Amino acid sequence: MGGYFGYILIMIVGAIISGIAALWVRRSYSKYSEKFSASGMTGAQVARTILDRNGLYNVRVEPVAGQLTDHYDPRAKVVRLSEANFGKSSIAGVSVAAHECGHAIQDARGYVPMKLRSGLFPIVNFSSQIWPLAFLFAIIMGVGTALGSLLIQVAVILFLAVLAFHLVTLPVEINASTRAYGLLKSYGLLSSNEIGGTRRVLTAAAFTYIAAALTALLMFLYLLFASRQ
């Protein structure tokens, strides 16, 4: 049962870290959603401007339902912005739009970490479903037994792919935010007084990925420790 309680502890710690990150994002986003840019350009207009100035005329900009559902789809070549960010000129919306355009630019320029993340996705999709089962049956069988030991080793190997995915996501997201900040500033899409809001919104968003990677690292270390018992 000790292994089970250790797992629960890691899950609790992970939930706390993720909760803090999510709260920071929502507070930052809410604050700068109420502050509108002097240019009056909506998130959709800013996205179109950035994409066109980088020669990405083939990348579409579309609205998507929900809040903070913004993303770039590399297969369809579409920047999708949540409805509030698509149609409003808030600093938060413009910042998020620029961030997603950062991903489109990464895709167009063959940014290696983005390619790695795309390659890992199907593997992670599979391993994320299997490793918890392997871990659960290892606990039931007993980690000290031959079968339990084998299953916990399988869980470690499968979870390694999950950890790799989270780690490679960090440079992808941080680079997209860095690009967004630089583009908004150099293109004059936000004034010097407004660009600080972009940094705060995108820094808060980046912390969610750091939190996810940290939680994954803790889980991997826990599984690795359990496999040595």
C-alpha atoms as a PDB file:
ATOM      1  CA  MET A   1       0.000   0.000   0.000  1.00  0.00           C
ATOM      2  CA  GLY A   2       2.977   2.307   0.491  1.00  0.00           C
ATOM      3  CA  GLY A   3       3.416   2.618  -3.268  1.00  0.00           C
ATOM      4  CA  TYR A   4      -0.236   3.560  -3.664  1.00  0.00           C
ATOM      5  CA  PHE A   5      -0.037   6.291  -1.013  1.00  0.00           C
ATOM      6  CA  GLY A   6       3.168   7.606  -2.567  1.00  0.00           C
ATOM      7  CA  TYR A   7       1.330   7.897  -5.858  1.00  0.00           C
ATOM      8  CA  ILE A   8      -1.540   9.769  -4.203  1.00  0.00           C
ATOM      9  CA  LEU A   9       0.948  12.167  -2.575  1.00  0.00           C
ATOM     10  CA  ILE A  10       2.555  12.946  -5.933  1.00  0.00           C
ATOM     11  CA  MET A  11      -0.888  13.531  -7.429  1.00  0.00           C
ATOM     12  CA  ILE A  12      -1.775  15.954  -4.628  1.00  0.00           C
ATOM     13  CA  VAL A  13       1.484  17.872  -4.998  1.00  0.00           C
ATOM     14  CA  GLY A  14       0.976  17.995  -8.752  1.00  0.00           C
ATOM     15  CA  ALA A  15      -2.582  19.255  -8.341  1.00  0.00           C
ATOM     16  CA  ILE A  16      -1.400  22.043  -6.024  1.00  0.00           C
ATOM     17  CA  ILE A  17       1.345  23.150  -8.432  1.00  0.00           C
ATOM     18  CA  SER A  18      -1.025  23.023 -11.394  1.00  0.00           C
ATOM     19  CA  GLY A  19      -3.711  24.858  -9.432  1.00  0.00           C
ATOM     20  CA  ILE A  20      -1.347  27.702  -8.577  1.00  0.00           C
ATOM     21  CA  ALA A  21      -0.280  27.954 -12.231  1.00  0.00           C
ATOM     22  CA  ALA A  22      -3.884  27.958 -13.464  1.00  0.00           C
ATOM     23  CA  LEU A  23      -4.873  30.623 -10.941  1.00  0.00           C
ATOM     24  CA  TRP A  24      -1.967  32.841 -12.015  1.00  0.00           C
ATOM     25  CA  VAL A  25      -2.934  32.494 -15.675  1.00  0.00           C
ATOM     26  CA  ARG A  26      -6.584  33.294 -15.082  1.00  0.00           C
ATOM     27  CA  ARG A  27      -5.838  36.311 -12.927  1.00  0.00           C
ATOM     28  CA  SER A  28      -3.341  37.713 -15.421  1.00  0.00           C
ATOM     29  CA  TYR A  29      -5.602  36.997 -18.365  1.00  0.00           C
ATOM     30  CA  SER A  30      -8.663  38.489 -16.641  1.00  0.00           C
ATOM     31  CA  LYS A  31      -6.764  41.647 -15.716  1.00  0.00           C
ATOM     32  CA  TYR A  32      -5.465  42.329 -19.218  1.00  0.00           C
ATOM     33  CA  SER A  33      -8.691  41.237 -20.898  1.00  0.00           C
ATOM     34  CA  GLU A  34     -10.180  44.431 -19.485  1.00  0.00           C
ATOM     35  CA  LYS A  35      -7.402  46.613 -20.882  1.00  0.00           C
ATOM     36  CA  PHE A  36      -7.714  47.436 -24.566  1.00  0.00           C
ATOM     37  CA  SER A  37      -4.896  48.326 -26.932  1.00  0.00           C
ATOM     38  CA  ALA A  38      -4.599  51.844 -28.295  1.00  0.00           C
ATOM     39  CA  SER A  39      -4.435  50.533 -31.858  1.00  0.00           C
ATOM     40  CA  GLY A  40      -7.916  49.032 -31.579  1.00  0.00           C
ATOM     41  CA  MET A  41      -6.773  45.952 -33.518  1.00  0.00           C
ATOM     42  CA  THR A  42      -8.492  42.716 -32.585  1.00  0.00           C
ATOM     43  CA  GLY A  43      -6.677  39.467 -31.932  1.00  0.00           C
ATOM     44  CA  ALA A  44      -7.713  38.261 -35.398  1.00  0.00           C
ATOM     45  CA  GLN A  45      -6.337  41.386 -37.049  1.00  0.00           C
ATOM     46  CA  VAL A  46      -3.059  41.185 -35.148  1.00  0.00           C
ATOM     47  CA  ALA A  47      -2.698  37.510 -36.040  1.00  0.00           C
ATOM     48  CA  ARG A  48      -3.343  38.226 -39.723  1.00  0.00           C
ATOM     49  CA  THR A  49      -0.809  41.062 -39.677  1.00  0.00           C
ATOM     50  CA  ILE A  50       1.910  38.927 -38.081  1.00  0.00           C
ATOM     51  CA  LEU A  51       1.276  35.977 -40.385  1.00  0.00           C
ATOM     52  CA  ASP A  52       1.284  38.117 -43.539  1.00  0.00           C
ATOM     53  CA  ARG A  53       4.447  39.969 -42.549  1.00  0.00           C
ATOM     54  CA  ASN A  54       6.153  36.602 -42.180  1.00  0.00           C
ATOM     55  CA  GLY A  55       4.898  35.337 -45.531  1.00  0.00           C
ATOM     56  CA  LEU A  56       2.405  32.873 -44.032  1.00  0.00           C
ATOM     57  CA  TYR A  57      -0.498  33.824 -46.299  1.00  0.00           C
ATOM     58  CA  ASN A  58      -1.667  30.196 -46.382  1.00  0.00           C
ATOM     59  CA  VAL A  59      -2.289  30.080 -42.614  1.00  0.00           C
ATOM     60  CA  ARG A  60      -5.909  30.899 -41.770  1.00  0.00           C
ATOM     61  CA  VAL A  61      -7.181  32.629 -38.637  1.00  0.00           C
ATOM     62  CA  GLU A  62     -10.456  31.275 -37.263  1.00  0.00           C
ATOM     63  CA  PRO A  63     -12.551  31.666 -34.098  1.00  0.00           C
ATOM     64  CA  VAL A  64     -13.089  28.688 -31.793  1.00  0.00           C
ATOM     65  CA  ALA A  65     -15.625  28.299 -28.989  1.00  0.00           C
ATOM     66  CA  GLY A  66     -14.605  28.505 -25.334  1.00  0.00           C
ATOM     67  CA  GLN A  67     -12.202  30.521 -23.212  1.00  0.00           C
ATOM     68  CA  LEU A  68      -8.440  30.102 -23.487  1.00  0.00           C
ATOM     69  CA  THR A  69      -8.991  27.451 -26.162  1.00  0.00           C
ATOM     70  CA  ASP A  70      -6.560  29.241 -28.482  1.00  0.00           C
ATOM     71  CA  HIS A  71      -4.179  27.009 -30.415  1.00  0.00           C
ATOM     72  CA  TYR A  72      -2.311  26.525 -33.669  1.00  0.00           C
ATOM     73  CA  ASP A  73      -3.184  23.456 -35.740  1.00  0.00           C
ATOM     74  CA  PRO A  74      -0.074  22.510 -37.758  1.00  0.00           C
ATOM     75  CA  ARG A  75      -1.953  19.926 -39.844  1.00  0.00           C
ATOM     76  CA  ALA A  76      -4.694  22.300 -41.007  1.00  0.00           C
ATOM     77  CA  LYS A  77      -2.390  25.376 -40.943  1.00  0.00           C
ATOM     78  CA  VAL A  78      -4.902  27.328 -38.868  1.00  0.00           C
ATOM     79  CA  VAL A  79      -4.480  29.715 -35.948  1.00  0.00           C
ATOM     80  CA  ARG A  80      -7.629  29.268 -33.865  1.00  0.00           C
ATOM     81  CA  LEU A  81      -8.476  31.982 -31.363  1.00  0.00           C
ATOM     82  CA  SER A  82     -11.133  31.803 -28.668  1.00  0.00           C
ATOM     83  CA  GLU A  83     -14.068  34.049 -29.510  1.00  0.00           C
ATOM     84  CA  ALA A  84     -13.137  36.777 -26.996  1.00  0.00           C
ATOM     85  CA  ASN A  85      -9.569  36.978 -28.277  1.00  0.00           C
ATOM     86  CA  PHE A  86     -10.624  36.763 -31.914  1.00  0.00           C
ATOM     87  CA  GLY A  87     -13.019  39.700 -31.914  1.00  0.00           C
ATOM     88  CA  LYS A  88     -11.741  42.037 -29.208  1.00  0.00           C
ATOM     89  CA  SER A  89      -8.733  44.323 -28.941  1.00  0.00           C
ATOM     90  CA  SER A  90      -7.697  43.497 -25.387  1.00  0.00           C
ATOM     91  CA  ILE A  91      -4.007  43.335 -24.526  1.00  0.00           C
ATOM     92  CA  ALA A  92      -4.500  39.755 -23.337  1.00  0.00           C
ATOM     93  CA  GLY A  93      -6.220  38.721 -26.562  1.00  0.00           C
ATOM     94  CA  VAL A  94      -3.609  40.353 -28.767  1.00  0.00           C
ATOM     95  CA  SER A  95      -0.827  38.705 -26.744  1.00  0.00           C
ATOM     96  CA  VAL A  96      -2.380  35.246 -27.037  1.00  0.00           C
ATOM     97  CA  ALA A  97      -2.936  35.741 -30.766  1.00  0.00           C
ATOM     98  CA  ALA A  98       0.728  36.668 -31.232  1.00  0.00           C
ATOM     99  CA  HIS A  99       1.779  33.606 -29.220  1.00  0.00           C
ATOM    100  CA  GLU A 100      -0.197  31.269 -31.477  1.00  0.00           C
ATOM    101  CA  CYS A 101       1.311  32.967 -34.519  1.00  0.00           C
ATOM    102  CA  GLY A 102       4.672  32.215 -32.945  1.00  0.00           C
ATOM    103  CA  HIS A 103       3.801  28.518 -33.267  1.00  0.00           C
ATOM    104  CA  ALA A 104       2.840  29.012 -36.922  1.00  0.00           C
ATOM    105  CA  ILE A 105       6.230  30.621 -37.564  1.00  0.00           C
ATOM    106  CA  GLN A 106       7.972  27.750 -35.751  1.00  0.00           C
ATOM    107  CA  ASP A 107       6.137  25.293 -37.983  1.00  0.00           C
ATOM    108  CA  ALA A 108       7.034  27.174 -41.155  1.00  0.00           C
ATOM    109  CA  ARG A 109      10.699  27.419 -40.205  1.00  0.00           C
ATOM    110  CA  GLY A 110      11.043  23.809 -39.091  1.00  0.00           C
ATOM    111  CA  TYR A 111      11.716  24.571 -35.428  1.00  0.00           C
ATOM    112  CA  VAL A 112      13.263  21.322 -34.175  1.00  0.00           C
ATOM    113  CA  PRO A 113      11.620  21.102 -30.695  1.00  0.00           C
ATOM    114  CA  MET A 114       8.220  21.533 -32.347  1.00  0.00           C
ATOM    115  CA  LYS A 115       8.995  18.692 -34.745  1.00  0.00           C
ATOM    116  CA  LEU A 116      10.072  16.528 -31.820  1.00  0.00           C
ATOM    117  CA  ARG A 117       6.861  17.282 -29.933  1.00  0.00           C
ATOM    118  CA  SER A 118       4.744  16.396 -32.964  1.00  0.00           C
ATOM    119  CA  GLY A 119       6.656  13.137 -33.363  1.00  0.00           C
ATOM    120  CA  LEU A 120       6.210  12.261 -29.700  1.00  0.00           C
ATOM    121  CA  PHE A 121       2.476  12.978 -29.627  1.00  0.00           C
ATOM    122  CA  PRO A 122       1.189   9.585 -30.912  1.00  0.00           C
ATOM    123  CA  ILE A 123       3.625   7.754 -28.630  1.00  0.00           C
ATOM    124  CA  VAL A 124       2.526   9.803 -25.622  1.00  0.00           C
ATOM    125  CA  ASN A 125      -1.119   9.320 -26.510  1.00  0.00           C
ATOM    126  CA  PHE A 126      -0.575   5.562 -26.254  1.00  0.00           C
ATOM    127  CA  SER A 127       1.725   5.475 -23.227  1.00  0.00           C
ATOM    128  CA  SER A 128      -0.515   7.859 -21.226  1.00  0.00           C
ATOM    129  CA  GLN A 129      -3.284   5.276 -21.381  1.00  0.00           C
ATOM    130  CA  ILE A 130      -1.133   2.245 -20.587  1.00  0.00           C
ATOM    131  CA  TRP A 131       1.340   3.301 -17.885  1.00  0.00           C
ATOM    132  CA  PRO A 132      -1.319   3.890 -15.151  1.00  0.00           C
ATOM    133  CA  LEU A 133      -2.660   0.360 -15.761  1.00  0.00           C
ATOM    134  CA  ALA A 134       0.821  -1.122 -15.551  1.00  0.00           C
ATOM    135  CA  PHE A 135       1.438   0.788 -12.327  1.00  0.00           C
ATOM    136  CA  LEU A 136      -1.913  -0.224 -10.817  1.00  0.00           C
ATOM    137  CA  PHE A 137      -1.389  -3.919 -11.527  1.00  0.00           C
ATOM    138  CA  ALA A 138       2.178  -3.662 -10.176  1.00  0.00           C
ATOM    139  CA  ILE A 139       0.756  -2.377  -6.875  1.00  0.00           C
ATOM    140  CA  ILE A 140      -1.896  -5.120  -6.823  1.00  0.00           C
ATOM    141  CA  MET A 141       0.611  -7.872  -7.628  1.00  0.00           C
ATOM    142  CA  GLY A 142       3.176  -6.411  -5.251  1.00  0.00           C
ATOM    143  CA  VAL A 143       6.188  -4.449  -6.441  1.00  0.00           C
ATOM    144  CA  GLY A 144       8.488  -6.988  -4.781  1.00  0.00           C
ATOM    145  CA  THR A 145       7.137  -9.888  -6.869  1.00  0.00           C
ATOM    146  CA  ALA A 146       8.595 -10.842 -10.246  1.00  0.00           C
ATOM    147  CA  LEU A 147       5.438  -9.787 -12.129  1.00  0.00           C
ATOM    148  CA  GLY A 148       5.018  -6.621 -10.083  1.00  0.00           C
ATOM    149  CA  SER A 149       8.645  -5.673 -10.694  1.00  0.00           C
ATOM    150  CA  LEU A 150       8.226  -6.227 -14.428  1.00  0.00           C
ATOM    151  CA  LEU A 151       5.059  -4.110 -14.553  1.00  0.00           C
ATOM    152  CA  ILE A 152       6.611  -1.215 -12.651  1.00  0.00           C
ATOM    153  CA  GLN A 153       9.544  -1.275 -15.086  1.00  0.00           C
ATOM    154  CA  VAL A 154       7.064  -1.111 -17.962  1.00  0.00           C
ATOM    155  CA  ALA A 155       5.358   1.864 -16.270  1.00  0.00           C
ATOM    156  CA  VAL A 156       8.720   3.648 -15.943  1.00  0.00           C
ATOM    157  CA  ILE A 157       9.580   3.140 -19.619  1.00  0.00           C
ATOM    158  CA  LEU A 158       6.134   4.271 -20.792  1.00  0.00           C
ATOM    159  CA  PHE A 159       6.124   7.299 -18.534  1.00  0.00           C
ATOM    160  CA  LEU A 160       9.537   8.325 -19.828  1.00  0.00           C
ATOM    161  CA  ALA A 161       7.804   9.246 -23.100  1.00  0.00           C
ATOM    162  CA  VAL A 162       5.322  11.404 -21.172  1.00  0.00           C
ATOM    163  CA  LEU A 163       8.167  13.182 -19.390  1.00  0.00           C
ATOM    164  CA  ALA A 164      10.034  13.718 -22.663  1.00  0.00           C
ATOM    165  CA  PHE A 165       6.914  15.261 -24.193  1.00  0.00           C
ATOM    166  CA  HIS A 166       6.533  17.734 -21.307  1.00  0.00           C
ATOM    167  CA  LEU A 167      10.216  18.643 -21.392  1.00  0.00           C
ATOM    168  CA  VAL A 168      10.292  19.272 -25.132  1.00  0.00           C
ATOM    169  CA  THR A 169       7.103  21.326 -24.821  1.00  0.00           C
ATOM    170  CA  LEU A 170       8.912  23.888 -22.652  1.00  0.00           C
ATOM    171  CA  PRO A 171      11.201  25.326 -25.367  1.00  0.00           C
ATOM    172  CA  VAL A 172       8.315  25.232 -27.856  1.00  0.00           C
ATOM    173  CA  GLU A 173       6.059  27.358 -25.655  1.00  0.00           C
ATOM    174  CA  ILE A 174       8.746  29.671 -24.295  1.00  0.00           C
ATOM    175  CA  ASN A 175      10.100  30.314 -27.789  1.00  0.00           C
ATOM    176  CA  ALA A 176       6.590  31.097 -29.103  1.00  0.00           C
ATOM    177  CA  SER A 177       6.083  33.600 -26.274  1.00  0.00           C
ATOM    178  CA  THR A 178       9.491  35.190 -26.898  1.00  0.00           C
ATOM    179  CA  ARG A 179       8.651  35.528 -30.574  1.00  0.00           C
ATOM    180  CA  ALA A 180       5.237  37.011 -29.713  1.00  0.00           C
ATOM    181  CA  TYR A 181       6.738  39.648 -27.442  1.00  0.00           C
ATOM    182  CA  GLY A 182       9.364  40.598 -30.008  1.00  0.00           C
ATOM    183  CA  LEU A 183       6.904  40.767 -32.899  1.00  0.00           C
ATOM    184  CA  LEU A 184       4.340  42.873 -31.048  1.00  0.00           C
ATOM    185  CA  LYS A 185       7.086  45.261 -30.019  1.00  0.00           C
ATOM    186  CA  SER A 186       8.976  45.484 -33.319  1.00  0.00           C
ATOM    187  CA  TYR A 187       5.823  45.781 -35.434  1.00  0.00           C
ATOM    188  CA  GLY A 188       4.409  48.460 -33.138  1.00  0.00           C
ATOM    189  CA  LEU A 189       1.209  46.488 -32.590  1.00  0.00           C
ATOM    190  CA  LEU A 190       1.308  47.385 -28.884  1.00  0.00           C
ATOM    191  CA  SER A 191       2.741  50.554 -27.381  1.00  0.00           C
ATOM    192  CA  SER A 192       5.610  50.612 -24.906  1.00  0.00           C
ATOM    193  CA  ASN A 193       3.066  51.114 -22.125  1.00  0.00           C
ATOM    194  CA  GLU A 194       1.043  48.092 -23.213  1.00  0.00           C
ATOM    195  CA  ILE A 195       3.786  45.590 -23.994  1.00  0.00           C
ATOM    196  CA  GLY A 196       4.431  44.975 -20.283  1.00  0.00           C
ATOM    197  CA  GLY A 197       0.995  43.369 -20.105  1.00  0.00           C
ATOM    198  CA  THR A 198       2.040  40.942 -22.814  1.00  0.00           C
ATOM    199  CA  ARG A 199       5.051  39.872 -20.791  1.00  0.00           C
ATOM    200  CA  ARG A 200       2.907  39.257 -17.706  1.00  0.00           C
ATOM    201  CA  VAL A 201       0.235  37.284 -19.552  1.00  0.00           C
ATOM    202  CA  LEU A 202       2.708  35.118 -21.455  1.00  0.00           C
ATOM    203  CA  THR A 203       4.941  34.558 -18.414  1.00  0.00           C
ATOM    204  CA  ALA A 204       1.948  33.294 -16.459  1.00  0.00           C
ATOM    205  CA  ALA A 205       0.997  31.011 -19.356  1.00  0.00           C
ATOM    206  CA  ALA A 206       4.559  29.662 -19.578  1.00  0.00           C
ATOM    207  CA  PHE A 207       4.459  28.750 -15.892  1.00  0.00           C
ATOM    208  CA  THR A 208       1.624  26.291 -16.574  1.00  0.00           C
ATOM    209  CA  TYR A 209       3.960  24.300 -18.820  1.00  0.00           C
ATOM    210  CA  ILE A 210       6.753  24.513 -16.259  1.00  0.00           C
ATOM    211  CA  ALA A 211       4.329  23.231 -13.623  1.00  0.00           C
ATOM    212  CA  ALA A 212       3.270  20.339 -15.861  1.00  0.00           C
ATOM    213  CA  ALA A 213       6.893  19.410 -16.574  1.00  0.00           C
ATOM    214  CA  LEU A 214       7.792  19.581 -12.880  1.00  0.00           C
ATOM    215  CA  THR A 215       4.847  17.363 -11.949  1.00  0.00           C
ATOM    216  CA  ALA A 216       5.832  14.874 -14.654  1.00  0.00           C
ATOM    217  CA  LEU A 217       9.425  14.864 -13.385  1.00  0.00           C
ATOM    218  CA  LEU A 218       8.273  14.152  -9.823  1.00  0.00           C
ATOM    219  CA  MET A 219       6.092  11.298 -11.047  1.00  0.00           C
ATOM    220  CA  PHE A 220       8.947   9.824 -13.084  1.00  0.00           C
ATOM    221  CA  LEU A 221      11.331   9.989 -10.123  1.00  0.00           C
ATOM    222  CA  TYR A 222       8.696   8.351  -7.932  1.00  0.00           C
ATOM    223  CA  LEU A 223       8.154   5.526 -10.448  1.00  0.00           C
ATOM    224  CA  LEU A 224      11.900   5.079 -10.828  1.00  0.00           C
ATOM    225  CA  PHE A 225      12.295   4.874  -7.052  1.00  0.00           C
ATOM    226  CA  ALA A 226       9.426   2.389  -6.802  1.00  0.00           C
ATOM    227  CA  SER A 227      11.037   0.209  -9.487  1.00  0.00           C
ATOM    228  CA  ARG A 228      14.171  -0.116  -7.349  1.00  0.00           C
ATOM    229  CA  GLN A 229      12.296  -1.447  -4.331  1.00  0.00           C
END
